[in-house]
Amino acid sequence: SVSLESDLKLKFEVLTGCERHFGLTVPHKALAHLVDADTVARFFDTALRDLEAAEEARKAHWTQNLPANVEIVGYDQGKRTARGKSSSSIYE
């Protein structure tokens, strides 16, 4: 695998290309650990898997899978309100 430690211009080009392609950003703290193509590939693979797992968890959350006859009551300026109704009209 090609080392990215000695060629910072190449490292910059590889990482910015990957960021654009995958729509992810590399945090500053990860830069020192991305030393070759293998570590870059593992980083983006792990990041994409984590995003997919988070999206699946969000989709499986109970608030996303309510029956048609159930509605979540929200809050409007600290006052309890039903969705789509003003706080003054829900108890009328």
N, C-alpha and C. Protein backbone atom coordinates (compact mmCIF):
# COMPACT_ATOMS: atom_id res chain seq x y z
N SER A 1 0.84 -1.18 0.00
CA SER A 1 0.00 0.00 0.00
C SER A 1 0.88 1.25 0.00
N VAL A 2 0.47 2.26 -0.71
CA VAL A 2 1.23 3.50 -0.83
C VAL A 2 1.12 4.30 0.46
N SER A 3 2.25 4.77 0.96
CA SER A 3 2.26 5.56 2.18
C SER A 3 1.81 6.98 1.89
N LEU A 4 0.95 7.49 2.74
CA LEU A 4 0.48 8.87 2.62
C LEU A 4 1.18 9.79 3.60
N GLU A 5 2.00 9.20 4.46
CA GLU A 5 2.68 10.01 5.48
C GLU A 5 3.72 10.95 4.89
N SER A 6 4.43 10.49 3.89
CA SER A 6 5.52 11.31 3.34
C SER A 6 5.06 12.25 2.25
N ASP A 7 3.92 12.00 1.63
CA ASP A 7 3.43 12.85 0.55
C ASP A 7 2.11 13.49 0.99
N LEU A 8 2.21 14.64 1.63
CA LEU A 8 1.02 15.31 2.17
C LEU A 8 0.08 15.82 1.08
N LYS A 9 0.64 16.19 -0.07
CA LYS A 9 -0.21 16.64 -1.19
C LYS A 9 -1.08 15.47 -1.67
N LEU A 10 -0.49 14.30 -1.81
CA LEU A 10 -1.24 13.12 -2.21
C LEU A 10 -2.29 12.76 -1.16
N LYS A 11 -1.90 12.84 0.10
CA LYS A 11 -2.84 12.54 1.19
C LYS A 11 -4.04 13.49 1.13
N PHE A 12 -3.78 14.77 0.92
CA PHE A 12 -4.84 15.76 0.81
C PHE A 12 -5.77 15.43 -0.36
N GLU A 13 -5.19 15.11 -1.52
CA GLU A 13 -5.99 14.81 -2.71
C GLU A 13 -6.83 13.55 -2.51
N VAL A 14 -6.25 12.52 -1.91
CA VAL A 14 -6.98 11.27 -1.67
C VAL A 14 -8.13 11.50 -0.70
N LEU A 15 -7.83 12.17 0.41
CA LEU A 15 -8.87 12.37 1.43
C LEU A 15 -9.98 13.30 0.95
N THR A 16 -9.65 14.38 0.27
CA THR A 16 -10.70 15.28 -0.22
C THR A 16 -11.53 14.59 -1.31
N GLY A 17 -10.89 13.77 -2.13
CA GLY A 17 -11.63 13.01 -3.13
C GLY A 17 -12.60 12.03 -2.48
N CYS A 18 -12.14 11.34 -1.45
CA CYS A 18 -13.01 10.41 -0.72
C CYS A 18 -14.14 11.15 -0.02
N GLU A 19 -13.83 12.29 0.57
CA GLU A 19 -14.87 13.08 1.24
C GLU A 19 -15.96 13.49 0.25
N ARG A 20 -15.56 13.95 -0.93
CA ARG A 20 -16.54 14.35 -1.95
C ARG A 20 -17.34 13.14 -2.43
N HIS A 21 -16.66 12.05 -2.68
CA HIS A 21 -17.31 10.86 -3.22
C HIS A 21 -18.32 10.25 -2.23
N PHE A 22 -17.93 10.13 -0.97
CA PHE A 22 -18.78 9.48 0.02
C PHE A 22 -19.68 10.44 0.79
N GLY A 23 -19.45 11.75 0.66
CA GLY A 23 -20.26 12.72 1.38
C GLY A 23 -19.98 12.73 2.87
N LEU A 24 -18.77 12.38 3.24
CA LEU A 24 -18.36 12.35 4.65
C LEU A 24 -17.17 13.27 4.84
N THR A 25 -16.95 13.69 6.06
CA THR A 25 -15.76 14.47 6.36
C THR A 25 -14.86 13.68 7.31
N VAL A 26 -13.59 13.93 7.21
CA VAL A 26 -12.61 13.27 8.07
C VAL A 26 -12.33 14.20 9.24
N PRO A 27 -12.59 13.76 10.47
CA PRO A 27 -12.29 14.62 11.62
C PRO A 27 -10.79 14.80 11.79
N HIS A 28 -10.42 15.93 12.32
CA HIS A 28 -9.01 16.26 12.50
C HIS A 28 -8.25 15.17 13.26
N LYS A 29 -8.88 14.62 14.30
CA LYS A 29 -8.19 13.63 15.13
C LYS A 29 -7.89 12.34 14.37
N ALA A 30 -8.58 12.09 13.25
CA ALA A 30 -8.34 10.87 12.47
C ALA A 30 -7.21 11.02 11.47
N LEU A 31 -6.82 12.23 11.16
CA LEU A 31 -5.83 12.47 10.10
C LEU A 31 -4.50 11.76 10.35
N ALA A 32 -4.03 11.75 11.57
CA ALA A 32 -2.73 11.14 11.88
C ALA A 32 -2.78 9.62 11.71
N HIS A 33 -3.97 9.03 11.82
CA HIS A 33 -4.10 7.57 11.73
C HIS A 33 -4.29 7.09 10.29
N LEU A 34 -4.58 8.00 9.38
CA LEU A 34 -4.79 7.64 7.98
C LEU A 34 -3.45 7.74 7.26
N VAL A 35 -2.70 6.64 7.27
CA VAL A 35 -1.32 6.66 6.79
C VAL A 35 -1.12 5.97 5.45
N ASP A 36 -2.11 5.20 5.00
CA ASP A 36 -2.00 4.53 3.71
C ASP A 36 -3.39 4.22 3.17
N ALA A 37 -3.45 3.63 1.99
CA ALA A 37 -4.73 3.36 1.35
C ALA A 37 -5.59 2.40 2.19
N ASP A 38 -4.96 1.45 2.86
CA ASP A 38 -5.72 0.50 3.68
C ASP A 38 -6.42 1.19 4.84
N THR A 39 -5.71 2.08 5.54
CA THR A 39 -6.34 2.76 6.68
C THR A 39 -7.43 3.73 6.21
N VAL A 40 -7.23 4.35 5.05
CA VAL A 40 -8.26 5.24 4.50
C VAL A 40 -9.51 4.43 4.15
N ALA A 41 -9.30 3.28 3.49
CA ALA A 41 -10.44 2.43 3.12
C ALA A 41 -11.18 1.94 4.35
N ARG A 42 -10.45 1.53 5.38
CA ARG A 42 -11.10 1.06 6.62
C ARG A 42 -11.88 2.19 7.28
N PHE A 43 -11.30 3.39 7.29
CA PHE A 43 -11.96 4.54 7.90
C PHE A 43 -13.30 4.81 7.22
N PHE A 44 -13.31 4.90 5.90
CA PHE A 44 -14.55 5.22 5.19
C PHE A 44 -15.53 4.05 5.24
N ASP A 45 -15.04 2.82 5.22
CA ASP A 45 -15.92 1.66 5.33
C ASP A 45 -16.63 1.68 6.69
N THR A 46 -15.88 1.92 7.74
CA THR A 46 -16.46 1.96 9.09
C THR A 46 -17.45 3.12 9.21
N ALA A 47 -17.09 4.28 8.70
CA ALA A 47 -17.97 5.45 8.78
C ALA A 47 -19.27 5.19 8.04
N LEU A 48 -19.20 4.58 6.86
CA LEU A 48 -20.41 4.29 6.10
C LEU A 48 -21.27 3.24 6.79
N ARG A 49 -20.65 2.23 7.37
CA ARG A 49 -21.41 1.22 8.10
C ARG A 49 -22.10 1.83 9.32
N ASP A 50 -21.40 2.73 10.01
CA ASP A 50 -21.99 3.39 11.17
C ASP A 50 -23.19 4.24 10.76
N LEU A 51 -23.08 4.95 9.64
CA LEU A 51 -24.20 5.75 9.15
C LEU A 51 -25.39 4.88 8.77
N GLU A 52 -25.12 3.76 8.11
CA GLU A 52 -26.20 2.85 7.73
C GLU A 52 -26.89 2.28 8.97
N ALA A 53 -26.11 1.91 9.97
CA ALA A 53 -26.68 1.37 11.21
C ALA A 53 -27.53 2.42 11.93
N ALA A 54 -27.06 3.66 11.95
CA ALA A 54 -27.82 4.73 12.59
C ALA A 54 -29.13 5.00 11.84
N GLU A 55 -29.08 4.95 10.52
CA GLU A 55 -30.29 5.16 9.73
C GLU A 55 -31.29 4.02 9.94
N GLU A 56 -30.81 2.79 10.00
CA GLU A 56 -31.69 1.66 10.27
C GLU A 56 -32.32 1.77 11.66
N ALA A 57 -31.53 2.19 12.64
CA ALA A 57 -32.05 2.37 14.00
C ALA A 57 -33.11 3.47 14.03
N ARG A 58 -32.87 4.54 13.28
CA ARG A 58 -33.85 5.63 13.22
C ARG A 58 -35.15 5.14 12.59
N LYS A 59 -35.05 4.37 11.51
CA LYS A 59 -36.24 3.85 10.84
C LYS A 59 -37.00 2.86 11.71
N ALA A 60 -36.29 2.13 12.55
CA ALA A 60 -36.93 1.13 13.40
C ALA A 60 -37.48 1.71 14.70
N HIS A 61 -37.16 2.96 14.99
CA HIS A 61 -37.61 3.59 16.23
C HIS A 61 -39.14 3.61 16.26
N TRP A 62 -39.70 3.43 17.42
CA TRP A 62 -41.15 3.33 17.55
C TRP A 62 -41.89 4.55 17.03
N THR A 63 -41.28 5.72 17.09
CA THR A 63 -41.96 6.93 16.62
C THR A 63 -42.10 6.94 15.10
N GLN A 64 -41.32 6.12 14.41
CA GLN A 64 -41.41 6.05 12.95
C GLN A 64 -42.39 4.97 12.49
N ASN A 65 -42.87 4.15 13.40
CA ASN A 65 -43.71 3.01 13.04
C ASN A 65 -45.03 2.98 13.81
N LEU A 66 -45.66 4.13 13.91
CA LEU A 66 -46.92 4.21 14.64
C LEU A 66 -48.09 3.73 13.77
N PRO A 67 -49.06 3.09 14.38
CA PRO A 67 -50.26 2.75 13.63
C PRO A 67 -50.97 4.02 13.16
N ALA A 68 -51.80 3.89 12.14
CA ALA A 68 -52.47 5.06 11.56
C ALA A 68 -53.36 5.80 12.55
N ASN A 69 -53.87 5.10 13.56
CA ASN A 69 -54.80 5.73 14.51
C ASN A 69 -54.08 6.33 15.73
N VAL A 70 -52.76 6.38 15.71
CA VAL A 70 -51.98 6.92 16.83
C VAL A 70 -51.27 8.18 16.38
N GLU A 71 -51.34 9.22 17.22
CA GLU A 71 -50.68 10.48 16.92
C GLU A 71 -49.84 10.90 18.11
N ILE A 72 -48.63 11.35 17.87
CA ILE A 72 -47.76 11.82 18.94
C ILE A 72 -48.14 13.25 19.28
N VAL A 73 -48.28 13.53 20.57
CA VAL A 73 -48.57 14.88 21.02
C VAL A 73 -47.24 15.60 21.17
N GLY A 74 -47.16 16.80 20.60
CA GLY A 74 -45.92 17.56 20.65
C GLY A 74 -46.01 18.72 21.61
N TYR A 75 -45.00 19.55 21.58
CA TYR A 75 -44.96 20.71 22.46
C TYR A 75 -44.73 21.95 21.63
N ASP A 76 -45.49 23.00 21.95
CA ASP A 76 -45.38 24.27 21.26
C ASP A 76 -45.13 25.34 22.31
N GLN A 77 -43.95 25.89 22.31
CA GLN A 77 -43.56 26.94 23.25
C GLN A 77 -43.82 26.51 24.69
N GLY A 78 -43.52 25.25 24.99
CA GLY A 78 -43.66 24.76 26.34
C GLY A 78 -45.07 24.36 26.73
N LYS A 79 -46.05 24.56 25.86
CA LYS A 79 -47.44 24.20 26.15
C LYS A 79 -47.79 22.95 25.36
N ARG A 80 -48.48 22.04 25.99
CA ARG A 80 -48.84 20.79 25.34
C ARG A 80 -49.86 21.04 24.23
N THR A 81 -49.53 20.58 23.03
CA THR A 81 -50.44 20.77 21.91
C THR A 81 -50.51 19.52 21.06
N ALA A 82 -51.64 19.30 20.45
CA ALA A 82 -51.77 18.23 19.47
C ALA A 82 -51.22 18.73 18.15
N ARG A 83 -50.69 17.83 17.37
CA ARG A 83 -50.09 18.20 16.10
C ARG A 83 -51.09 18.96 15.23
N GLY A 84 -50.67 20.11 14.71
CA GLY A 84 -51.51 20.87 13.79
C GLY A 84 -52.53 21.77 14.46
N LYS A 85 -52.58 21.83 15.79
CA LYS A 85 -53.56 22.67 16.48
C LYS A 85 -52.83 23.66 17.37
N SER A 86 -53.40 24.82 17.53
CA SER A 86 -52.78 25.80 18.40
C SER A 86 -52.99 25.41 19.85
N SER A 87 -52.15 25.91 20.73
CA SER A 87 -52.23 25.55 22.14
C SER A 87 -53.54 26.01 22.77
N SER A 88 -54.18 27.01 22.22
CA SER A 88 -55.43 27.49 22.82
C SER A 88 -56.64 26.67 22.35
N SER A 89 -56.52 25.93 21.24
CA SER A 89 -57.70 25.24 20.71
C SER A 89 -57.77 23.76 21.02
N ILE A 90 -56.75 23.17 21.57
CA ILE A 90 -56.78 21.71 21.74
C ILE A 90 -57.69 21.26 22.87
N TYR A 91 -57.97 22.13 23.82
CA TYR A 91 -58.80 21.73 24.95
C TYR A 91 -60.23 22.28 24.84
N GLU A 92 -60.56 22.87 23.71
CA GLU A 92 -61.89 23.46 23.52
C GLU A 92 -62.89 22.41 23.12
